Amino acid sequence: MIKETLEWLELPATPVRELKVWLHQLSSEGLPVRVEIQGGDQKQDIDLSSANGQVVLPINGQSCRVEVTFAGKSVSDLPTSL
């Protein structure tokens, strides 16, 4: 299975304690998508495919990295107009 990180972002430290991740549908067939949040002692790995494309996650306020990974497809196979 091909796994490709399509997007990632770094979030600075914040007093906010929840992060909503919402992925819009890219194709009619859907894609298996995972979101991973890493920061400090926190690591969460969520399957957005089984969460209807969105989830609200607790965060600890420390800076963190959020990665969106599409499994089973190469980035070159995805639509170019995101």
C-alpha atoms as a PDB file:
ATOM      1  CA  MET A   1       0.000   0.000   0.000  1.00  0.00           C
ATOM      2  CA  ILE A   2       1.312   3.420  -0.950  1.00  0.00           C
ATOM      3  CA  LYS A   3       1.276   6.041   1.800  1.00  0.00           C
ATOM      4  CA  GLU A   4       1.925   9.653   0.912  1.00  0.00           C
ATOM      5  CA  THR A   5       1.763  12.702   3.134  1.00  0.00           C
ATOM      6  CA  LEU A   6      -0.033  15.275   1.049  1.00  0.00           C
ATOM      7  CA  GLU A   7      -0.194  18.122   3.519  1.00  0.00           C
ATOM      8  CA  TRP A   8       1.266  19.030   6.867  1.00  0.00           C
ATOM      9  CA  LEU A   9       1.329  22.095   9.052  1.00  0.00           C
ATOM     10  CA  GLU A  10       2.981  23.245  12.234  1.00  0.00           C
ATOM     11  CA  LEU A  11       0.714  24.737  14.887  1.00  0.00           C
ATOM     12  CA  PRO A  12       2.275  27.079  17.451  1.00  0.00           C
ATOM     13  CA  ALA A  13       1.622  26.764  21.178  1.00  0.00           C
ATOM     14  CA  THR A  14      -1.886  28.012  21.944  1.00  0.00           C
ATOM     15  CA  PRO A  15      -4.390  28.191  24.800  1.00  0.00           C
ATOM     16  CA  VAL A  16      -6.890  26.348  22.554  1.00  0.00           C
ATOM     17  CA  ARG A  17      -7.633  22.778  23.701  1.00  0.00           C
ATOM     18  CA  GLU A  18      -9.470  21.358  20.675  1.00  0.00           C
ATOM     19  CA  LEU A  19      -8.582  21.030  17.003  1.00  0.00           C
ATOM     20  CA  LYS A  20     -11.199  20.309  14.334  1.00  0.00           C
ATOM     21  CA  VAL A  21      -9.927  18.508  11.246  1.00  0.00           C
ATOM     22  CA  TRP A  22     -12.371  18.512   8.336  1.00  0.00           C
ATOM     23  CA  LEU A  23     -11.496  16.978   5.009  1.00  0.00           C
ATOM     24  CA  HIS A  24     -13.755  17.624   2.042  1.00  0.00           C
ATOM     25  CA  GLN A  25     -14.394  14.790  -0.408  1.00  0.00           C
ATOM     26  CA  LEU A  26     -11.840  14.674  -3.216  1.00  0.00           C
ATOM     27  CA  SER A  27     -13.523  12.098  -5.448  1.00  0.00           C
ATOM     28  CA  SER A  28     -16.746  10.120  -5.717  1.00  0.00           C
ATOM     29  CA  GLU A  29     -14.916   6.908  -4.743  1.00  0.00           C
ATOM     30  CA  GLY A  30     -13.511   8.430  -1.565  1.00  0.00           C
ATOM     31  CA  LEU A  31      -9.988   7.920  -0.269  1.00  0.00           C
ATOM     32  CA  PRO A  32      -8.628   6.338   2.900  1.00  0.00           C
ATOM     33  CA  VAL A  33      -7.257   9.288   4.851  1.00  0.00           C
ATOM     34  CA  ARG A  34      -5.367   9.448   8.139  1.00  0.00           C
ATOM     35  CA  VAL A  35      -4.514  12.448  10.284  1.00  0.00           C
ATOM     36  CA  GLU A  36      -1.585  12.317  12.680  1.00  0.00           C
ATOM     37  CA  ILE A  37      -0.921  14.938  15.350  1.00  0.00           C
ATOM     38  CA  GLN A  38       2.488  14.959  17.067  1.00  0.00           C
ATOM     39  CA  GLY A  39       3.703  17.391  19.660  1.00  0.00           C
ATOM     40  CA  GLY A  40       5.520  17.148  22.975  1.00  0.00           C
ATOM     41  CA  ASP A  41       4.340  13.947  24.642  1.00  0.00           C
ATOM     42  CA  GLN A  42       1.196  13.819  22.489  1.00  0.00           C
ATOM     43  CA  LYS A  43       0.666  11.568  19.469  1.00  0.00           C
ATOM     44  CA  GLN A  44      -2.714  10.847  17.901  1.00  0.00           C
ATOM     45  CA  ASP A  45      -3.437   8.895  14.734  1.00  0.00           C
ATOM     46  CA  ILE A  46      -7.015   9.115  13.422  1.00  0.00           C
ATOM     47  CA  ASP A  47      -8.676   7.429  10.442  1.00  0.00           C
ATOM     48  CA  LEU A  48     -10.852  10.162   8.918  1.00  0.00           C
ATOM     49  CA  SER A  49     -12.463   7.677   6.538  1.00  0.00           C
ATOM     50  CA  SER A  50     -14.337   6.094   9.446  1.00  0.00           C
ATOM     51  CA  ALA A  51     -15.061   9.493  11.051  1.00  0.00           C
ATOM     52  CA  ASN A  52     -17.126  10.879   8.133  1.00  0.00           C
ATOM     53  CA  GLY A  53     -14.235  13.137   7.110  1.00  0.00           C
ATOM     54  CA  GLN A  54     -14.147  15.251  10.244  1.00  0.00           C
ATOM     55  CA  VAL A  55     -13.149  14.946  13.857  1.00  0.00           C
ATOM     56  CA  VAL A  56     -12.601  17.211  16.883  1.00  0.00           C
ATOM     57  CA  LEU A  57      -9.455  16.237  18.765  1.00  0.00           C
ATOM     58  CA  PRO A  58      -8.200  17.298  22.175  1.00  0.00           C
ATOM     59  CA  ILE A  59      -4.819  19.033  22.079  1.00  0.00           C
ATOM     60  CA  ASN A  60      -2.589  19.975  24.999  1.00  0.00           C
ATOM     61  CA  GLY A  61      -1.730  23.527  23.927  1.00  0.00           C
ATOM     62  CA  GLN A  62       1.878  22.731  23.005  1.00  0.00           C
ATOM     63  CA  SER A  63       3.131  23.314  19.480  1.00  0.00           C
ATOM     64  CA  CYS A  64       2.401  20.337  17.244  1.00  0.00           C
ATOM     65  CA  ARG A  65       2.647  19.018  13.697  1.00  0.00           C
ATOM     66  CA  VAL A  66      -0.489  17.892  11.850  1.00  0.00           C
ATOM     67  CA  GLU A  67      -0.052  15.529   8.867  1.00  0.00           C
ATOM     68  CA  VAL A  68      -2.732  14.409   6.404  1.00  0.00           C
ATOM     69  CA  THR A  69      -1.864  11.097   4.703  1.00  0.00           C
ATOM     70  CA  PHE A  70      -3.706   9.422   1.850  1.00  0.00           C
ATOM     71  CA  ALA A  71      -3.221   5.639   1.914  1.00  0.00           C
ATOM     72  CA  GLY A  72      -3.503   3.478  -1.172  1.00  0.00           C
ATOM     73  CA  LYS A  73      -3.011   6.266  -3.710  1.00  0.00           C
ATOM     74  CA  SER A  74       0.034   8.034  -4.947  1.00  0.00           C
ATOM     75  CA  VAL A  75      -0.035  11.828  -4.767  1.00  0.00           C
ATOM     76  CA  SER A  76       0.384  11.805  -8.547  1.00  0.00           C
ATOM     77  CA  ASP A  77      -2.950   9.907  -8.798  1.00  0.00           C
ATOM     78  CA  LEU A  78      -4.881  12.571  -6.870  1.00  0.00           C
ATOM     79  CA  PRO A  79      -6.759  15.447  -8.526  1.00  0.00           C
ATOM     80  CA  THR A  80      -4.547  18.445  -9.228  1.00  0.00           C
ATOM     81  CA  SER A  81      -7.118  21.095  -8.343  1.00  0.00           C
ATOM     82  CA  LEU A  82      -7.296  20.920  -4.554  1.00  0.00           C
END
